[in-house]
Amino acid sequence: MLLAGVTALFLGFSGAYIYSRVQNNLPAINLPPLFYLNTIVLALSSITLIHVKQCYLKDNTQRYQIMLALTLGLTLIFLCLQLIAWKSLIDQNILINSSTTTSYLYVISFVHFAHVIGGLPFLVLFTISAYKKMKEPVSVLIYFSDPAKKRKLNLLTTYWHYLDALWIYLVLFFLINSWI
């Protein structure tokens, strides 16, 4: 239900952006290069999260912990790069109130940023839990055989892949709009 609501929100933003551009004959916004780099960073975080799930299913403790930490690190890199991208826009005097199209860029990217921040505590908890609770064979067995843990991991990976796919959609959306 959450993902359906988020999808509707971003489709609404996309439609409103196109409508505003067409009605007011506004130029498209060109994304800063860091947005493209962030796409690669998020794609890598999706790949590492796929490995997290595979390691969980294979009871591979050490790799599971490393992949969780790597996913967390890539997420933090994404967030930092996004802040730097906004700063570069501001340095170029492209402000949220510069034009309608730049307002959409800031709002859409900020709402995505907020959703990543919203998922971050769950990723942090998984990572901490993996390192804290997986120290001896018995605790590893309990950890990997916990159905609630598996369900939570499935929810986390679904949400994370969704956010990654959403970011790719947004970058492609702005890119295609810059060609039209």
C-alpha atoms as a PDB file:
ATOM      1  CA  MET A   1       0.000   0.000   0.000  1.00  0.00           C
ATOM      2  CA  LEU A   2       2.864   2.336   0.857  1.00  0.00           C
ATOM      3  CA  LEU A   3       4.555   1.720  -2.481  1.00  0.00           C
ATOM      4  CA  ALA A   4       1.308   2.356  -4.349  1.00  0.00           C
ATOM      5  CA  GLY A   5       0.925   5.697  -2.559  1.00  0.00           C
ATOM      6  CA  VAL A   6       4.525   6.684  -3.285  1.00  0.00           C
ATOM      7  CA  THR A   7       4.067   5.679  -6.926  1.00  0.00           C
ATOM      8  CA  ALA A   8       0.946   7.830  -7.186  1.00  0.00           C
ATOM      9  CA  LEU A   9       2.795  10.741  -5.588  1.00  0.00           C
ATOM     10  CA  PHE A  10       5.680  10.619  -8.055  1.00  0.00           C
ATOM     11  CA  LEU A  11       3.408  10.033 -11.051  1.00  0.00           C
ATOM     12  CA  GLY A  12       1.474  13.095  -9.911  1.00  0.00           C
ATOM     13  CA  PHE A  13       4.702  15.101  -9.712  1.00  0.00           C
ATOM     14  CA  SER A  14       5.691  13.872 -13.181  1.00  0.00           C
ATOM     15  CA  GLY A  15       2.343  14.811 -14.674  1.00  0.00           C
ATOM     16  CA  ALA A  16       2.369  18.205 -12.991  1.00  0.00           C
ATOM     17  CA  TYR A  17       5.891  18.873 -14.284  1.00  0.00           C
ATOM     18  CA  ILE A  18       4.890  18.050 -17.867  1.00  0.00           C
ATOM     19  CA  TYR A  19       1.679  20.077 -17.588  1.00  0.00           C
ATOM     20  CA  SER A  20       3.533  23.109 -16.198  1.00  0.00           C
ATOM     21  CA  ARG A  21       6.194  22.886 -18.890  1.00  0.00           C
ATOM     22  CA  VAL A  22       3.686  22.628 -21.727  1.00  0.00           C
ATOM     23  CA  GLN A  23       1.216  25.227 -20.419  1.00  0.00           C
ATOM     24  CA  ASN A  24       3.867  27.822 -19.626  1.00  0.00           C
ATOM     25  CA  ASN A  25       6.264  26.926 -22.459  1.00  0.00           C
ATOM     26  CA  LEU A  26       9.088  26.448 -19.945  1.00  0.00           C
ATOM     27  CA  PRO A  27      12.514  25.055 -20.753  1.00  0.00           C
ATOM     28  CA  ALA A  28      13.452  21.649 -19.434  1.00  0.00           C
ATOM     29  CA  ILE A  29      15.901  21.301 -16.586  1.00  0.00           C
ATOM     30  CA  ASN A  30      19.263  19.665 -17.216  1.00  0.00           C
ATOM     31  CA  LEU A  31      20.282  17.401 -14.376  1.00  0.00           C
ATOM     32  CA  PRO A  32      23.632  17.996 -12.725  1.00  0.00           C
ATOM     33  CA  PRO A  33      26.174  15.220 -13.450  1.00  0.00           C
ATOM     34  CA  LEU A  34      26.040  14.094  -9.820  1.00  0.00           C
ATOM     35  CA  PHE A  35      22.466  12.907 -10.382  1.00  0.00           C
ATOM     36  CA  TYR A  36      23.820  10.409 -12.921  1.00  0.00           C
ATOM     37  CA  LEU A  37      26.612   9.332 -10.575  1.00  0.00           C
ATOM     38  CA  ASN A  38      23.987   8.859  -7.859  1.00  0.00           C
ATOM     39  CA  THR A  39      22.098   6.558 -10.208  1.00  0.00           C
ATOM     40  CA  ILE A  40      25.166   4.327 -10.400  1.00  0.00           C
ATOM     41  CA  VAL A  41      25.591   4.437  -6.608  1.00  0.00           C
ATOM     42  CA  LEU A  42      21.965   3.413  -6.046  1.00  0.00           C
ATOM     43  CA  ALA A  43      22.202   0.655  -8.656  1.00  0.00           C
ATOM     44  CA  LEU A  44      25.254  -0.680  -6.830  1.00  0.00           C
ATOM     45  CA  SER A  45      23.330  -0.588  -3.536  1.00  0.00           C
ATOM     46  CA  SER A  46      20.605  -2.675  -5.164  1.00  0.00           C
ATOM     47  CA  ILE A  47      23.215  -5.188  -6.313  1.00  0.00           C
ATOM     48  CA  THR A  48      24.746  -5.410  -2.839  1.00  0.00           C
ATOM     49  CA  LEU A  49      21.280  -5.884  -1.342  1.00  0.00           C
ATOM     50  CA  ILE A  50      20.650  -8.755  -3.766  1.00  0.00           C
ATOM     51  CA  HIS A  51      23.853 -10.302  -2.408  1.00  0.00           C
ATOM     52  CA  VAL A  52      22.621  -9.681   1.164  1.00  0.00           C
ATOM     53  CA  LYS A  53      19.527 -11.722   0.454  1.00  0.00           C
ATOM     54  CA  GLN A  54      21.514 -14.495  -1.251  1.00  0.00           C
ATOM     55  CA  CYS A  55      23.934 -14.652   1.672  1.00  0.00           C
ATOM     56  CA  TYR A  56      21.025 -14.820   4.094  1.00  0.00           C
ATOM     57  CA  LEU A  57      19.523 -17.754   2.216  1.00  0.00           C
ATOM     58  CA  LYS A  58      22.903 -19.542   2.111  1.00  0.00           C
ATOM     59  CA  ASP A  59      23.696 -18.826   5.777  1.00  0.00           C
ATOM     60  CA  ASN A  60      26.899 -17.038   4.754  1.00  0.00           C
ATOM     61  CA  THR A  61      27.446 -14.924   7.864  1.00  0.00           C
ATOM     62  CA  GLN A  62      30.591 -13.011   7.004  1.00  0.00           C
ATOM     63  CA  ARG A  63      29.517 -12.098   3.467  1.00  0.00           C
ATOM     64  CA  TYR A  64      26.031 -11.202   4.729  1.00  0.00           C
ATOM     65  CA  GLN A  65      27.528  -8.748   7.216  1.00  0.00           C
ATOM     66  CA  ILE A  66      29.914  -7.260   4.658  1.00  0.00           C
ATOM     67  CA  MET A  67      27.186  -6.815   2.036  1.00  0.00           C
ATOM     68  CA  LEU A  68      24.879  -5.150   4.577  1.00  0.00           C
ATOM     69  CA  ALA A  69      27.652  -2.756   5.588  1.00  0.00           C
ATOM     70  CA  LEU A  70      28.449  -2.072   1.928  1.00  0.00           C
ATOM     71  CA  THR A  71      24.792  -1.353   1.178  1.00  0.00           C
ATOM     72  CA  LEU A  72      24.671   1.036   4.119  1.00  0.00           C
ATOM     73  CA  GLY A  73      27.871   2.725   2.955  1.00  0.00           C
ATOM     74  CA  LEU A  74      26.564   3.161  -0.593  1.00  0.00           C
ATOM     75  CA  THR A  75      23.340   4.621   0.778  1.00  0.00           C
ATOM     76  CA  LEU A  76      25.270   7.151   2.836  1.00  0.00           C
ATOM     77  CA  ILE A  77      27.362   8.011  -0.238  1.00  0.00           C
ATOM     78  CA  PHE A  78      24.131   8.562  -2.201  1.00  0.00           C
ATOM     79  CA  LEU A  79      22.795  10.904   0.475  1.00  0.00           C
ATOM     80  CA  CYS A  80      26.052  12.880   0.645  1.00  0.00           C
ATOM     81  CA  LEU A  81      26.299  13.144  -3.141  1.00  0.00           C
ATOM     82  CA  GLN A  82      22.709  14.339  -3.289  1.00  0.00           C
ATOM     83  CA  LEU A  83      23.498  17.114  -0.823  1.00  0.00           C
ATOM     84  CA  ILE A  84      26.533  18.037  -2.921  1.00  0.00           C
ATOM     85  CA  ALA A  85      24.382  18.031  -6.098  1.00  0.00           C
ATOM     86  CA  TRP A  86      21.901  20.444  -4.511  1.00  0.00           C
ATOM     87  CA  LYS A  87      24.801  22.613  -3.330  1.00  0.00           C
ATOM     88  CA  SER A  88      26.196  22.691  -6.878  1.00  0.00           C
ATOM     89  CA  LEU A  89      22.805  23.836  -8.155  1.00  0.00           C
ATOM     90  CA  ILE A  90      22.743  26.587  -5.544  1.00  0.00           C
ATOM     91  CA  ASP A  91      26.318  27.595  -6.426  1.00  0.00           C
ATOM     92  CA  GLN A  92      25.173  27.961 -10.047  1.00  0.00           C
ATOM     93  CA  ASN A  93      22.353  30.183  -8.791  1.00  0.00           C
ATOM     94  CA  ILE A  94      19.776  27.542  -9.733  1.00  0.00           C
ATOM     95  CA  LEU A  95      17.534  27.892  -6.727  1.00  0.00           C
ATOM     96  CA  ILE A  96      14.266  26.245  -5.779  1.00  0.00           C
ATOM     97  CA  ASN A  97      12.435  29.469  -6.621  1.00  0.00           C
ATOM     98  CA  SER A  98      14.385  30.197  -9.840  1.00  0.00           C
ATOM     99  CA  SER A  99      11.704  28.666 -12.049  1.00  0.00           C
ATOM    100  CA  THR A 100       8.852  26.216 -11.960  1.00  0.00           C
ATOM    101  CA  THR A 101      10.973  23.474 -13.498  1.00  0.00           C
ATOM    102  CA  THR A 102      13.772  23.850 -10.954  1.00  0.00           C
ATOM    103  CA  SER A 103      11.164  23.812  -8.183  1.00  0.00           C
ATOM    104  CA  TYR A 104       9.987  20.429  -9.453  1.00  0.00           C
ATOM    105  CA  LEU A 105      13.544  19.142  -9.571  1.00  0.00           C
ATOM    106  CA  TYR A 106      14.213  20.149  -5.973  1.00  0.00           C
ATOM    107  CA  VAL A 107      10.871  18.907  -4.652  1.00  0.00           C
ATOM    108  CA  ILE A 108      10.954  15.577  -6.499  1.00  0.00           C
ATOM    109  CA  SER A 109      14.567  14.842  -5.576  1.00  0.00           C
ATOM    110  CA  PHE A 110      13.966  15.938  -1.972  1.00  0.00           C
ATOM    111  CA  VAL A 111      10.906  13.705  -1.584  1.00  0.00           C
ATOM    112  CA  HIS A 112      12.940  10.764  -2.905  1.00  0.00           C
ATOM    113  CA  PHE A 113      15.770  11.738  -0.517  1.00  0.00           C
ATOM    114  CA  ALA A 114      13.268  11.757   2.362  1.00  0.00           C
ATOM    115  CA  HIS A 115      12.086   8.250   1.450  1.00  0.00           C
ATOM    116  CA  VAL A 116      15.682   7.004   1.477  1.00  0.00           C
ATOM    117  CA  ILE A 117      16.149   8.628   4.895  1.00  0.00           C
ATOM    118  CA  GLY A 118      12.926   6.909   5.998  1.00  0.00           C
ATOM    119  CA  GLY A 119      14.319   3.486   5.077  1.00  0.00           C
ATOM    120  CA  LEU A 120      17.760   4.148   6.506  1.00  0.00           C
ATOM    121  CA  PRO A 121      16.947   3.245  10.161  1.00  0.00           C
ATOM    122  CA  PHE A 122      15.788  -0.215   9.062  1.00  0.00           C
ATOM    123  CA  LEU A 123      18.985  -0.784   7.092  1.00  0.00           C
ATOM    124  CA  VAL A 124      21.061   0.459  10.039  1.00  0.00           C
ATOM    125  CA  LEU A 125      19.188  -1.868  12.438  1.00  0.00           C
ATOM    126  CA  PHE A 126      19.727  -4.848  10.141  1.00  0.00           C
ATOM    127  CA  THR A 127      23.431  -4.053   9.880  1.00  0.00           C
ATOM    128  CA  ILE A 128      23.910  -3.566  13.632  1.00  0.00           C
ATOM    129  CA  SER A 129      21.883  -6.678  14.392  1.00  0.00           C
ATOM    130  CA  ALA A 130      23.937  -8.749  11.951  1.00  0.00           C
ATOM    131  CA  TYR A 131      27.188  -7.755  13.617  1.00  0.00           C
ATOM    132  CA  LYS A 132      25.885  -7.939  17.199  1.00  0.00           C
ATOM    133  CA  LYS A 133      23.862 -11.140  17.095  1.00  0.00           C
ATOM    134  CA  MET A 134      25.968 -13.262  14.762  1.00  0.00           C
ATOM    135  CA  LYS A 135      29.060 -14.004  16.834  1.00  0.00           C
ATOM    136  CA  GLU A 136      28.800 -17.711  17.581  1.00  0.00           C
ATOM    137  CA  PRO A 137      27.345 -20.678  15.663  1.00  0.00           C
ATOM    138  CA  VAL A 138      24.188 -20.983  17.771  1.00  0.00           C
ATOM    139  CA  SER A 139      23.278 -17.298  17.451  1.00  0.00           C
ATOM    140  CA  VAL A 140      23.964 -17.473  13.701  1.00  0.00           C
ATOM    141  CA  LEU A 141      21.644 -20.459  13.406  1.00  0.00           C
ATOM    142  CA  ILE A 142      18.912 -18.659  15.339  1.00  0.00           C
ATOM    143  CA  TYR A 143      19.395 -15.506  13.259  1.00  0.00           C
ATOM    144  CA  PHE A 144      19.188 -17.268   9.893  1.00  0.00           C
ATOM    145  CA  SER A 145      16.253 -19.488  10.895  1.00  0.00           C
ATOM    146  CA  ASP A 146      14.065 -16.654  12.203  1.00  0.00           C
ATOM    147  CA  PRO A 147      11.052 -16.319   9.854  1.00  0.00           C
ATOM    148  CA  ALA A 148      10.311 -12.818  11.120  1.00  0.00           C
ATOM    149  CA  LYS A 149      13.850 -11.734  10.214  1.00  0.00           C
ATOM    150  CA  LYS A 150      13.430 -13.203   6.725  1.00  0.00           C
ATOM    151  CA  ARG A 151      10.111 -11.380   6.252  1.00  0.00           C
ATOM    152  CA  LYS A 152      11.653  -8.094   7.395  1.00  0.00           C
ATOM    153  CA  LEU A 153      14.587  -8.591   5.043  1.00  0.00           C
ATOM    154  CA  ASN A 154      12.156  -9.214   2.181  1.00  0.00           C
ATOM    155  CA  LEU A 155      10.297  -5.999   3.028  1.00  0.00           C
ATOM    156  CA  LEU A 156      13.538  -4.028   3.261  1.00  0.00           C
ATOM    157  CA  THR A 157      14.843  -5.317  -0.061  1.00  0.00           C
ATOM    158  CA  THR A 158      11.521  -4.664  -1.788  1.00  0.00           C
ATOM    159  CA  TYR A 159      11.445  -1.099  -0.475  1.00  0.00           C
ATOM    160  CA  TRP A 160      15.099  -0.500  -1.371  1.00  0.00           C
ATOM    161  CA  HIS A 161      14.780  -1.866  -4.907  1.00  0.00           C
ATOM    162  CA  TYR A 162      11.641   0.204  -5.328  1.00  0.00           C
ATOM    163  CA  LEU A 163      13.467   3.396  -4.297  1.00  0.00           C
ATOM    164  CA  ASP A 164      16.307   2.556  -6.661  1.00  0.00           C
ATOM    165  CA  ALA A 165      13.928   1.920  -9.550  1.00  0.00           C
ATOM    166  CA  LEU A 166      12.084   5.123  -8.705  1.00  0.00           C
ATOM    167  CA  TRP A 167      15.330   7.122  -8.833  1.00  0.00           C
ATOM    168  CA  ILE A 168      16.198   5.606 -12.215  1.00  0.00           C
ATOM    169  CA  TYR A 169      12.713   6.509 -13.453  1.00  0.00           C
ATOM    170  CA  LEU A 170      13.130  10.099 -12.220  1.00  0.00           C
ATOM    171  CA  VAL A 171      16.535  10.533 -13.839  1.00  0.00           C
ATOM    172  CA  LEU A 172      15.228   9.101 -17.122  1.00  0.00           C
ATOM    173  CA  PHE A 173      12.125  11.265 -16.848  1.00  0.00           C
ATOM    174  CA  PHE A 174      14.167  14.462 -16.535  1.00  0.00           C
ATOM    175  CA  LEU A 175      16.634  13.295 -19.181  1.00  0.00           C
ATOM    176  CA  ILE A 176      13.935  12.531 -21.736  1.00  0.00           C
ATOM    177  CA  ASN A 177      12.211  15.825 -20.924  1.00  0.00           C
ATOM    178  CA  SER A 178      15.450  17.682 -21.593  1.00  0.00           C
ATOM    179  CA  TRP A 179      15.452  16.246 -25.133  1.00  0.00           C
ATOM    180  CA  ILE A 180      11.875  17.294 -25.881  1.00  0.00           C
END
